[in-house]
């Protein structure tokens, strides 16, 4: 059984259309400390591709991803 990750902050971006989910995610990560974990809850399927691109661009790591069903969840580790 896999242990669940702890996270320092949460971001609920359900109901938001592009580009707001990415903008809010980027702003939240900017406020966090290196090594912190952010749990994001979304429902915009376009966000899946966008969060991967954003994480690569900013140098962060997606540790968990659940894209089954209507609710999407991600846990990102801020690396820088």
C-alpha atoms as a PDB file:
ATOM      1  CA  UNK A   1       0.000   0.000   0.000  1.00  0.00           C
ATOM      2  CA  UNK A   2       1.333   3.415  -1.009  1.00  0.00           C
ATOM      3  CA  UNK A   3       1.712   6.072   1.682  1.00  0.00           C
ATOM      4  CA  UNK A   4      -0.104   9.354   1.026  1.00  0.00           C
ATOM      5  CA  UNK A   5       2.039  12.458   0.728  1.00  0.00           C
ATOM      6  CA  UNK A   6       1.678  15.310   3.175  1.00  0.00           C
ATOM      7  CA  UNK A   7       1.329  18.767   1.662  1.00  0.00           C
ATOM      8  CA  UNK A   8       1.856  22.248   2.991  1.00  0.00           C
ATOM      9  CA  UNK A   9      -0.799  24.009   0.924  1.00  0.00           C
ATOM     10  CA  UNK A  10      -3.862  23.355  -1.225  1.00  0.00           C
ATOM     11  CA  UNK A  11      -5.315  25.010  -4.292  1.00  0.00           C
ATOM     12  CA  UNK A  12      -8.866  24.393  -5.533  1.00  0.00           C
ATOM     13  CA  UNK A  13      -9.240  25.596  -9.110  1.00  0.00           C
ATOM     14  CA  UNK A  14     -12.403  23.703 -10.011  1.00  0.00           C
ATOM     15  CA  UNK A  15     -14.717  25.655 -12.292  1.00  0.00           C
ATOM     16  CA  UNK A  16     -12.012  27.925 -13.686  1.00  0.00           C
ATOM     17  CA  UNK A  17     -11.288  28.230 -17.395  1.00  0.00           C
ATOM     18  CA  UNK A  18      -7.880  28.744 -18.994  1.00  0.00           C
ATOM     19  CA  UNK A  19      -5.641  30.549 -18.337  1.00  0.00           C
ATOM     20  CA  UNK A  20      -6.747  31.050 -14.693  1.00  0.00           C
ATOM     21  CA  UNK A  21      -5.814  27.550 -13.396  1.00  0.00           C
ATOM     22  CA  UNK A  22      -2.209  27.915 -14.568  1.00  0.00           C
ATOM     23  CA  UNK A  23      -1.961  31.512 -13.367  1.00  0.00           C
ATOM     24  CA  UNK A  24      -3.256  30.636  -9.894  1.00  0.00           C
ATOM     25  CA  UNK A  25      -1.004  27.567  -9.674  1.00  0.00           C
ATOM     26  CA  UNK A  26       2.056  29.598 -10.649  1.00  0.00           C
ATOM     27  CA  UNK A  27       1.189  32.326  -8.113  1.00  0.00           C
ATOM     28  CA  UNK A  28       0.640  29.802  -5.296  1.00  0.00           C
ATOM     29  CA  UNK A  29       3.945  28.026  -6.018  1.00  0.00           C
ATOM     30  CA  UNK A  30       5.762  31.382  -5.984  1.00  0.00           C
ATOM     31  CA  UNK A  31       4.572  31.912  -2.386  1.00  0.00           C
ATOM     32  CA  UNK A  32       5.825  28.506  -1.227  1.00  0.00           C
ATOM     33  CA  UNK A  33       9.232  27.365   0.045  1.00  0.00           C
ATOM     34  CA  UNK A  34      11.497  24.990  -1.856  1.00  0.00           C
ATOM     35  CA  UNK A  35      10.656  21.405  -0.869  1.00  0.00           C
ATOM     36  CA  UNK A  36       7.004  22.192  -0.051  1.00  0.00           C
ATOM     37  CA  UNK A  37       4.161  20.157  -1.544  1.00  0.00           C
ATOM     38  CA  UNK A  38       1.061  21.703  -3.143  1.00  0.00           C
ATOM     39  CA  UNK A  39      -2.136  19.698  -3.643  1.00  0.00           C
ATOM     40  CA  UNK A  40      -4.200  20.964  -6.572  1.00  0.00           C
ATOM     41  CA  UNK A  41      -7.829  20.013  -7.227  1.00  0.00           C
ATOM     42  CA  UNK A  42      -9.177  20.797 -10.697  1.00  0.00           C
ATOM     43  CA  UNK A  43     -11.879  19.719 -13.125  1.00  0.00           C
ATOM     44  CA  UNK A  44     -10.687  21.284 -16.382  1.00  0.00           C
ATOM     45  CA  UNK A  45      -9.174  18.431 -18.419  1.00  0.00           C
ATOM     46  CA  UNK A  46      -7.010  20.894 -20.393  1.00  0.00           C
ATOM     47  CA  UNK A  47      -5.182  21.524 -17.115  1.00  0.00           C
ATOM     48  CA  UNK A  48      -3.540  18.069 -17.302  1.00  0.00           C
ATOM     49  CA  UNK A  49      -1.325  19.088 -20.213  1.00  0.00           C
ATOM     50  CA  UNK A  50      -0.842  22.589 -18.804  1.00  0.00           C
ATOM     51  CA  UNK A  51       0.326  21.449 -15.356  1.00  0.00           C
ATOM     52  CA  UNK A  52       2.904  19.148 -16.930  1.00  0.00           C
ATOM     53  CA  UNK A  53       4.219  21.980 -19.122  1.00  0.00           C
ATOM     54  CA  UNK A  54       4.270  24.419 -16.184  1.00  0.00           C
ATOM     55  CA  UNK A  55       6.088  21.961 -13.912  1.00  0.00           C
ATOM     56  CA  UNK A  56       8.724  21.313 -16.571  1.00  0.00           C
ATOM     57  CA  UNK A  57       9.127  25.031 -17.308  1.00  0.00           C
ATOM     58  CA  UNK A  58       9.519  25.985 -13.640  1.00  0.00           C
ATOM     59  CA  UNK A  59      11.528  22.918 -12.590  1.00  0.00           C
ATOM     60  CA  UNK A  60       8.988  21.435 -10.166  1.00  0.00           C
ATOM     61  CA  UNK A  61       8.042  17.758  -9.805  1.00  0.00           C
ATOM     62  CA  UNK A  62       4.589  16.187 -10.036  1.00  0.00           C
ATOM     63  CA  UNK A  63       4.643  13.536  -7.313  1.00  0.00           C
ATOM     64  CA  UNK A  64       1.051  12.340  -7.566  1.00  0.00           C
ATOM     65  CA  UNK A  65      -1.554  12.605 -10.281  1.00  0.00           C
ATOM     66  CA  UNK A  66      -5.112  11.313 -10.417  1.00  0.00           C
ATOM     67  CA  UNK A  67      -6.923  12.132 -13.643  1.00  0.00           C
ATOM     68  CA  UNK A  68      -9.686   9.543 -13.466  1.00  0.00           C
ATOM     69  CA  UNK A  69     -13.232  10.824 -13.173  1.00  0.00           C
ATOM     70  CA  UNK A  70     -14.386  14.415 -13.091  1.00  0.00           C
ATOM     71  CA  UNK A  71     -12.120  15.622 -10.284  1.00  0.00           C
ATOM     72  CA  UNK A  72      -8.412  15.867 -11.073  1.00  0.00           C
ATOM     73  CA  UNK A  73      -5.801  15.978  -8.313  1.00  0.00           C
ATOM     74  CA  UNK A  74      -2.090  16.654  -8.412  1.00  0.00           C
ATOM     75  CA  UNK A  75       0.601  16.942  -5.749  1.00  0.00           C
ATOM     76  CA  UNK A  76       3.542  19.074  -6.847  1.00  0.00           C
ATOM     77  CA  UNK A  77       6.878  19.447  -5.089  1.00  0.00           C
ATOM     78  CA  UNK A  78       8.383  22.910  -5.416  1.00  0.00           C
ATOM     79  CA  UNK A  79      12.041  22.381  -6.282  1.00  0.00           C
ATOM     80  CA  UNK A  80      13.312  25.953  -6.641  1.00  0.00           C
END
